[in-house]
Amino acid sequence: MTPSCGRLIAIRLSRSAPNYLWRSQTYYDWNTNSADGNGLLEKIRISTSPNTSEQLYQNYQYGSFANIRIL
């Protein structure tokens, strides 16, 4: 699955139904007034369905030079 700007937002990692494993990611808005803006990666989730966080949830925050500040 990809949004209109072409970034990958979800991918199925395993092939055996019904226990599919999904990796989903979300991105910050394209807001240049925020250090977390500019479309940077916000969250990674791994679960058995898209956009949930049963197995893994990582949240990213960035500093003023787009370096990861909080993981």
Foldseek 3Di string as FASTA:
>chain_A
DAPPVGDDAKDFDDDDPPQTKMKGWAFADQDLVFLRHNGHTAWIAIDSDPPDHPDDIDGFDADNVRDTDGD
